[in-house]
C-alpha atoms as a PDB file:
ATOM      1  CA  MET A   1      38.303  73.925  74.267  1.00  0.00           C
ATOM      2  CA  ASP A   2      38.155  71.090  71.747  1.00  0.00           C
ATOM      3  CA  GLU A   3      40.713  68.572  70.550  1.00  0.00           C
ATOM      4  CA  ASN A   4      42.747  70.582  68.381  1.00  0.00           C
ATOM      5  CA  GLY A   5      43.151  73.744  70.695  1.00  0.00           C
ATOM      6  CA  LEU A   6      44.371  71.325  73.205  1.00  0.00           C
ATOM      7  CA  ARG A   7      46.916  69.812  70.821  1.00  0.00           C
ATOM      8  CA  ILE A   8      48.105  73.259  70.051  1.00  0.00           C
ATOM      9  CA  ALA A   9      48.551  74.210  73.672  1.00  0.00           C
ATOM     10  CA  PHE A  10      50.390  71.237  74.257  1.00  0.00           C
ATOM     11  CA  ALA A  11      52.646  71.678  71.282  1.00  0.00           C
ATOM     12  CA  GLY A  12      53.142  75.237  72.433  1.00  0.00           C
ATOM     13  CA  ALA A  13      54.013  74.083  75.963  1.00  0.00           C
ATOM     14  CA  LEU A  14      56.397  71.513  74.545  1.00  0.00           C
ATOM     15  CA  VAL A  15      58.274  74.163  72.234  1.00  0.00           C
ATOM     16  CA  GLY A  16      58.286  76.412  74.999  1.00  0.00           C
ATOM     17  CA  ALA A  17      60.046  73.984  77.293  1.00  0.00           C
ATOM     18  CA  VAL A  18      62.409  72.936  74.736  1.00  0.00           C
ATOM     19  CA  CYS A  19      63.494  76.845  74.147  1.00  0.00           C
ATOM     20  CA  LEU A  20      63.811  77.394  77.941  1.00  0.00           C
ATOM     21  CA  GLY A  21      65.826  74.143  78.386  1.00  0.00           C
ATOM     22  CA  TRP A  22      68.280  75.202  75.494  1.00  0.00           C
ATOM     23  CA  VAL A  23      68.494  78.813  77.099  1.00  0.00           C
ATOM     24  CA  LEU A  24      69.111  77.339  80.660  1.00  0.00           C
ATOM     25  CA  HIS A  25      71.755  74.852  79.090  1.00  0.00           C
ATOM     26  CA  TRP A  26      73.554  77.642  77.355  1.00  0.00           C
ATOM     27  CA  LEU A  27      73.661  79.679  80.413  1.00  0.00           C
ATOM     28  CA  TRP A  28      74.745  76.583  82.313  1.00  0.00           C
ATOM     29  CA  ARG A  29      77.656  76.112  79.968  1.00  0.00           C
ATOM     30  CA  LEU A  30      78.705  79.861  79.839  1.00  0.00           C
ATOM     31  CA  MET A  31      78.830  79.985  83.621  1.00  0.00           C
ATOM     32  CA  GLY A  32      80.333  76.601  83.964  1.00  0.00           C
ATOM     33  CA  GLN A  33      83.465  77.042  81.746  1.00  0.00           C
ATOM     34  CA  ASN A  34      86.070  76.840  84.498  1.00  0.00           C
ATOM     35  CA  THR A  35      85.499  73.045  84.962  1.00  0.00           C
ATOM     36  CA  GLY A  36      87.230  70.324  83.628  1.00  0.00           C
ATOM     37  CA  PRO A  37      90.985  69.523  82.910  1.00  0.00           C
ATOM     38  CA  LYS A  38      91.411  73.065  81.477  1.00  0.00           C
ATOM     39  CA  SER A  39      90.159  74.404  84.761  1.00  0.00           C
ATOM     40  CA  ILE A  40      92.700  72.144  86.728  1.00  0.00           C
ATOM     41  CA  LYS A  41      95.519  73.553  84.359  1.00  0.00           C
ATOM     42  CA  LYS A  42      94.437  77.132  84.977  1.00  0.00           C
ATOM     43  CA  THR A  43      94.041  76.721  88.498  1.00  0.00           C
ATOM     44  CA  ALA A  44      97.522  74.985  88.867  1.00  0.00           C
ATOM     45  CA  ASP A  45      99.211  77.748  86.554  1.00  0.00           C
ATOM     46  CA  LEU A  46      97.604  80.507  88.797  1.00  0.00           C
ATOM     47  CA  ALA A  47      99.049  78.642  91.869  1.00  0.00           C
ATOM     48  CA  THR A  48     102.314  78.275  90.525  1.00  0.00           C
ATOM     49  CA  ARG A  49     102.392  82.095  89.620  1.00  0.00           C
ATOM     50  CA  LEU A  50     100.995  83.019  92.984  1.00  0.00           C
ATOM     51  CA  HIS A  51     103.559  81.060  94.857  1.00  0.00           C
ATOM     52  CA  ASP A  52     106.273  82.821  92.557  1.00  0.00           C
ATOM     53  CA  ALA A  53     104.910  86.201  93.330  1.00  0.00           C
ATOM     54  CA  GLU A  54     105.060  85.378  97.027  1.00  0.00           C
ATOM     55  CA  GLU A  55     108.701  84.397  96.775  1.00  0.00           C
ATOM     56  CA  ALA A  56     109.443  87.205  94.712  1.00  0.00           C
ATOM     57  CA  LEU A  57     107.797  89.655  97.681  1.00  0.00           C
ATOM     58  CA  PHE A  58     109.559  88.060 100.340  1.00  0.00           C
ATOM     59  CA  GLN A  59     112.771  88.529  98.601  1.00  0.00           C
ATOM     60  CA  ALA A  60     112.132  92.279  98.091  1.00  0.00           C
ATOM     61  CA  GLU A  61     111.132  92.606 101.475  1.00  0.00           C
ATOM     62  CA  ALA A  62     114.436  90.901 102.906  1.00  0.00           C
ATOM     63  CA  THR A  63     116.384  93.153 100.251  1.00  0.00           C
ATOM     64  CA  LEU A  64     114.609  96.114 101.277  1.00  0.00           C
ATOM     65  CA  ALA A  65     115.386  95.386 104.794  1.00  0.00           C
ATOM     66  CA  GLY A  66     119.003  95.070 104.179  1.00  0.00           C
ATOM     67  CA  GLU A  67     119.158  98.292 102.131  1.00  0.00           C
ATOM     68  CA  ARG A  68     117.449 100.194 105.189  1.00  0.00           C
ATOM     69  CA  GLN A  69     119.777  98.648 107.681  1.00  0.00           C
ATOM     70  CA  ALA A  70     122.804  99.425 105.168  1.00  0.00           C
ATOM     71  CA  HIS A  71     121.477 103.192 104.861  1.00  0.00           C
ATOM     72  CA  SER A  72     120.895 103.722 108.449  1.00  0.00           C
ATOM     73  CA  ALA A  73     124.323 102.577 109.211  1.00  0.00           C
ATOM     74  CA  ARG A  74     125.635 105.042 106.788  1.00  0.00           C
ATOM     75  CA  VAL A  75     123.570 107.846 107.910  1.00  0.00           C
ATOM     76  CA  THR A  76     124.718 107.233 111.322  1.00  0.00           C
ATOM     77  CA  GLU A  77     128.581 107.178 110.324  1.00  0.00           C
ATOM     78  CA  LEU A  78     127.887 110.646 108.412  1.00  0.00           C
ATOM     79  CA  GLU A  79     126.392 112.123 111.404  1.00  0.00           C
ATOM     80  CA  THR A  80     129.544 111.022 113.365  1.00  0.00           C
ATOM     81  CA  GLU A  81     131.480 112.574 110.691  1.00  0.00           C
ATOM     82  CA  LEU A  82     129.577 115.679 110.657  1.00  0.00           C
ATOM     83  CA  ALA A  83     129.808 116.087 114.480  1.00  0.00           C
ATOM     84  CA  GLN A  84     133.532 115.616 114.410  1.00  0.00           C
ATOM     85  CA  ALA A  85     133.914 118.027 111.583  1.00  0.00           C
ATOM     86  CA  HIS A  86     131.497 120.627 113.478  1.00  0.00           C
ATOM     87  CA  ASP A  87     133.845 120.291 116.588  1.00  0.00           C
ATOM     88  CA  ARG A  88     137.086 120.416 114.527  1.00  0.00           C
ATOM     89  CA  MET A  89     135.449 123.603 113.099  1.00  0.00           C
ATOM     90  CA  ARG A  90     134.662 124.951 116.389  1.00  0.00           C
ATOM     91  CA  GLU A  91     138.207 124.263 117.748  1.00  0.00           C
ATOM     92  CA  MET A  92     139.722 126.246 114.832  1.00  0.00           C
ATOM     93  CA  ARG A  93     137.381 129.280 115.260  1.00  0.00           C
ATOM     94  CA  ASP A  94     138.414 129.268 118.871  1.00  0.00           C
ATOM     95  CA  ALA A  95     141.947 129.162 117.705  1.00  0.00           C
ATOM     96  CA  TYR A  96     141.327 131.678 115.243  1.00  0.00           C
ATOM     97  CA  GLU A  97     139.754 134.053 117.572  1.00  0.00           C
ATOM     98  CA  GLN A  98     142.422 133.696 120.126  1.00  0.00           C
ATOM     99  CA  VAL A  99     145.197 134.384 117.355  1.00  0.00           C
ATOM    100  CA  LEU A 100     143.429 137.318 116.425  1.00  0.00           C
ATOM    101  CA  ALA A 101     142.998 138.323 119.855  1.00  0.00           C
ATOM    102  CA  GLU A 102     146.447 138.071 120.437  1.00  0.00           C
ATOM    103  CA  SER A 103     147.663 139.924 117.357  1.00  0.00           C
ATOM    104  CA  GLN A 104     145.420 142.684 118.079  1.00  0.00           C
ATOM    105  CA  GLY A 105     146.620 142.790 121.869  1.00  0.00           C
ATOM    106  CA  GLU A 106     150.382 143.046 120.372  1.00  0.00           C
ATOM    107  CA  ALA A 107     149.312 145.732 117.864  1.00  0.00           C
ATOM    108  CA  SER A 108     147.632 147.775 120.468  1.00  0.00           C
ATOM    109  CA  PRO A 109     150.905 149.094 122.595  1.00  0.00           C
ATOM    110  CA  GLN A 110     152.671 150.356 120.004  1.00  0.00           C
END
């Protein structure tokens, strides 16, 4: 290889190194966009939003627990009322049957 060939090879290697460096720098900046003051503001905003979401979740869970307790108490109350109504209906049916039996008993001797 003569001197010109060596210079061309060396120049090609330098151009290749510069191009490779430019591509690597571009990739580095592309992947590293989450750094600096913007990233800190984004992180702080995300942390605030996460904290607010957690508070809303805890509040919703507390509200749900209260609603469940209220519904459970209401169901128990309605079950008690239903049982009382059922007992009252049974008493009325027994009384009706007794009155019916008495009226049939009075009607038979004639």
